[in-house]
C-alpha atoms as a PDB file:
ATOM      1  CA  UNK A   1      -0.387  14.279  -1.691  1.00  0.00           C
ATOM      2  CA  UNK A   2      -3.430  12.698  -3.221  1.00  0.00           C
ATOM      3  CA  UNK A   3      -4.330  11.831  -6.744  1.00  0.00           C
ATOM      4  CA  UNK A   4      -7.506  11.796  -8.773  1.00  0.00           C
ATOM      5  CA  UNK A   5      -8.234   8.123  -8.042  1.00  0.00           C
ATOM      6  CA  UNK A   6      -9.121   6.870  -4.567  1.00  0.00           C
ATOM      7  CA  UNK A   7      -8.129   3.249  -3.968  1.00  0.00           C
ATOM      8  CA  UNK A   8      -9.529   0.935  -1.340  1.00  0.00           C
ATOM      9  CA  UNK A   9      -7.103  -1.388   0.442  1.00  0.00           C
ATOM     10  CA  UNK A  10      -8.615  -4.290  -1.500  1.00  0.00           C
ATOM     11  CA  UNK A  11      -7.915  -2.490  -4.802  1.00  0.00           C
ATOM     12  CA  UNK A  12      -4.320  -1.786  -3.760  1.00  0.00           C
ATOM     13  CA  UNK A  13      -3.763  -5.444  -2.903  1.00  0.00           C
ATOM     14  CA  UNK A  14      -5.395  -6.495  -6.184  1.00  0.00           C
ATOM     15  CA  UNK A  15      -3.037  -4.267  -8.200  1.00  0.00           C
ATOM     16  CA  UNK A  16       0.015  -5.578  -6.339  1.00  0.00           C
ATOM     17  CA  UNK A  17      -0.948  -9.242  -6.677  1.00  0.00           C
ATOM     18  CA  UNK A  18      -1.745  -8.783 -10.372  1.00  0.00           C
ATOM     19  CA  UNK A  19       1.719  -7.315 -10.948  1.00  0.00           C
ATOM     20  CA  UNK A  20       3.330 -10.146  -8.973  1.00  0.00           C
ATOM     21  CA  UNK A  21       1.161 -12.640 -10.878  1.00  0.00           C
ATOM     22  CA  UNK A  22       0.135 -14.292  -7.647  1.00  0.00           C
ATOM     23  CA  UNK A  23      -3.215 -15.220  -6.274  1.00  0.00           C
ATOM     24  CA  UNK A  24      -4.100 -12.994  -3.318  1.00  0.00           C
ATOM     25  CA  UNK A  25      -4.604 -14.616   0.063  1.00  0.00           C
ATOM     26  CA  UNK A  26      -6.869 -12.079   1.687  1.00  0.00           C
ATOM     27  CA  UNK A  27      -9.402 -12.653   4.424  1.00  0.00           C
ATOM     28  CA  UNK A  28     -12.142 -10.177   5.252  1.00  0.00           C
ATOM     29  CA  UNK A  29     -12.398  -9.302   8.932  1.00  0.00           C
ATOM     30  CA  UNK A  30     -15.083  -6.986  10.263  1.00  0.00           C
ATOM     31  CA  UNK A  31     -13.377  -3.935  11.774  1.00  0.00           C
ATOM     32  CA  UNK A  32     -14.917  -4.490  15.222  1.00  0.00           C
ATOM     33  CA  UNK A  33     -13.600  -8.070  15.354  1.00  0.00           C
ATOM     34  CA  UNK A  34     -10.146  -6.958  14.219  1.00  0.00           C
ATOM     35  CA  UNK A  35     -10.055  -4.300  16.968  1.00  0.00           C
ATOM     36  CA  UNK A  36     -10.989  -6.887  19.611  1.00  0.00           C
ATOM     37  CA  UNK A  37      -8.309  -9.284  18.348  1.00  0.00           C
ATOM     38  CA  UNK A  38      -5.709  -6.497  18.180  1.00  0.00           C
ATOM     39  CA  UNK A  39      -6.268  -5.730  21.857  1.00  0.00           C
ATOM     40  CA  UNK A  40      -4.910  -9.194  22.694  1.00  0.00           C
ATOM     41  CA  UNK A  41      -2.163  -9.334  20.038  1.00  0.00           C
ATOM     42  CA  UNK A  42      -0.363  -6.165  21.073  1.00  0.00           C
ATOM     43  CA  UNK A  43       3.053  -6.683  19.507  1.00  0.00           C
ATOM     44  CA  UNK A  44       2.237  -7.596  15.921  1.00  0.00           C
ATOM     45  CA  UNK A  45       3.618  -5.003  13.519  1.00  0.00           C
ATOM     46  CA  UNK A  46       0.600  -4.670  11.194  1.00  0.00           C
ATOM     47  CA  UNK A  47      -2.062  -6.090  13.432  1.00  0.00           C
ATOM     48  CA  UNK A  48      -2.240  -3.924  16.503  1.00  0.00           C
ATOM     49  CA  UNK A  49      -4.787  -1.537  17.944  1.00  0.00           C
ATOM     50  CA  UNK A  50      -3.108   1.626  16.623  1.00  0.00           C
ATOM     51  CA  UNK A  51      -2.981   0.185  13.106  1.00  0.00           C
ATOM     52  CA  UNK A  52      -6.656  -0.836  13.265  1.00  0.00           C
ATOM     53  CA  UNK A  53      -7.709   2.646  14.369  1.00  0.00           C
ATOM     54  CA  UNK A  54      -5.563   4.392  11.735  1.00  0.00           C
ATOM     55  CA  UNK A  55      -6.766   1.996   9.038  1.00  0.00           C
ATOM     56  CA  UNK A  56     -10.349   3.106   9.633  1.00  0.00           C
ATOM     57  CA  UNK A  57      -9.515   6.801   9.070  1.00  0.00           C
ATOM     58  CA  UNK A  58     -10.445   8.386   5.768  1.00  0.00           C
ATOM     59  CA  UNK A  59      -7.342  10.264   4.663  1.00  0.00           C
ATOM     60  CA  UNK A  60      -8.278  13.090   2.320  1.00  0.00           C
ATOM     61  CA  UNK A  61      -6.153  15.980   1.085  1.00  0.00           C
ATOM     62  CA  UNK A  62      -7.197  19.338   2.522  1.00  0.00           C
ATOM     63  CA  UNK A  63      -8.792  21.781   0.067  1.00  0.00           C
ATOM     64  CA  UNK A  64      -6.008  24.359   0.516  1.00  0.00           C
ATOM     65  CA  UNK A  65      -3.114  21.878   0.190  1.00  0.00           C
ATOM     66  CA  UNK A  66      -0.430  22.360  -2.437  1.00  0.00           C
ATOM     67  CA  UNK A  67      -0.939  20.510  -5.685  1.00  0.00           C
ATOM     68  CA  UNK A  68       1.491  18.421  -7.715  1.00  0.00           C
ATOM     69  CA  UNK A  69       2.013  21.421  -9.976  1.00  0.00           C
ATOM     70  CA  UNK A  70       2.799  23.685  -6.990  1.00  0.00           C
ATOM     71  CA  UNK A  71       5.449  21.198  -5.855  1.00  0.00           C
ATOM     72  CA  UNK A  72       6.872  20.639  -9.370  1.00  0.00           C
ATOM     73  CA  UNK A  73       6.026  16.937  -9.279  1.00  0.00           C
ATOM     74  CA  UNK A  74       5.029  14.936 -12.335  1.00  0.00           C
ATOM     75  CA  UNK A  75       2.422  12.484 -11.035  1.00  0.00           C
ATOM     76  CA  UNK A  76       2.238   8.870 -12.200  1.00  0.00           C
ATOM     77  CA  UNK A  77      -0.537   6.389 -11.669  1.00  0.00           C
ATOM     78  CA  UNK A  78      -0.331   4.087  -8.664  1.00  0.00           C
ATOM     79  CA  UNK A  79      -0.239   0.894 -10.782  1.00  0.00           C
ATOM     80  CA  UNK A  80       2.592   2.310 -12.897  1.00  0.00           C
ATOM     81  CA  UNK A  81       4.646   3.430  -9.879  1.00  0.00           C
ATOM     82  CA  UNK A  82       4.144   0.260  -7.851  1.00  0.00           C
ATOM     83  CA  UNK A  83       5.098  -1.905 -10.839  1.00  0.00           C
ATOM     84  CA  UNK A  84       8.436  -0.076 -11.152  1.00  0.00           C
ATOM     85  CA  UNK A  85       9.005  -0.308  -7.396  1.00  0.00           C
ATOM     86  CA  UNK A  86       8.220  -4.036  -7.246  1.00  0.00           C
ATOM     87  CA  UNK A  87      10.436  -4.726 -10.249  1.00  0.00           C
ATOM     88  CA  UNK A  88      13.325  -2.802  -8.658  1.00  0.00           C
ATOM     89  CA  UNK A  89      12.939  -4.480  -5.254  1.00  0.00           C
ATOM     90  CA  UNK A  90      12.709  -7.885  -6.936  1.00  0.00           C
ATOM     91  CA  UNK A  91      16.041  -7.246  -8.651  1.00  0.00           C
ATOM     92  CA  UNK A  92      17.592  -6.165  -5.354  1.00  0.00           C
ATOM     93  CA  UNK A  93      16.458  -9.262  -3.463  1.00  0.00           C
ATOM     94  CA  UNK A  94      19.091 -11.854  -2.469  1.00  0.00           C
ATOM     95  CA  UNK A  95      19.912 -14.278  -5.257  1.00  0.00           C
ATOM     96  CA  UNK A  96      19.130 -11.750  -8.004  1.00  0.00           C
ATOM     97  CA  UNK A  97      22.575 -10.166  -8.291  1.00  0.00           C
ATOM     98  CA  UNK A  98      23.157 -11.653 -11.743  1.00  0.00           C
ATOM     99  CA  UNK A  99      19.999  -9.984 -13.131  1.00  0.00           C
ATOM    100  CA  UNK A 100      21.041  -6.562 -11.791  1.00  0.00           C
ATOM    101  CA  UNK A 101      24.327  -6.732 -13.707  1.00  0.00           C
ATOM    102  CA  UNK A 102      22.581  -7.202 -17.056  1.00  0.00           C
END
């Protein structure tokens, strides 16, 4: 399911780091260099050849796909949804039990 706004990976990271109130630690790697490096680092979870190839794909919803309305879903913006998710996961992290009980 896609929404009206298309986010780049950099924009997604920016939204997340803004919510977390942390300074992002991102490094730009040309795709070709990342693919070469991934060929040698085969067992890294988010830095492997399959991930590099999939990351380059442009994922777009097909014209005939069902819409939010067809599926009875009330869409929310990505920043709004990720903020709720990050807040919930922060409360569930170890050492935060006292905040969950409030």
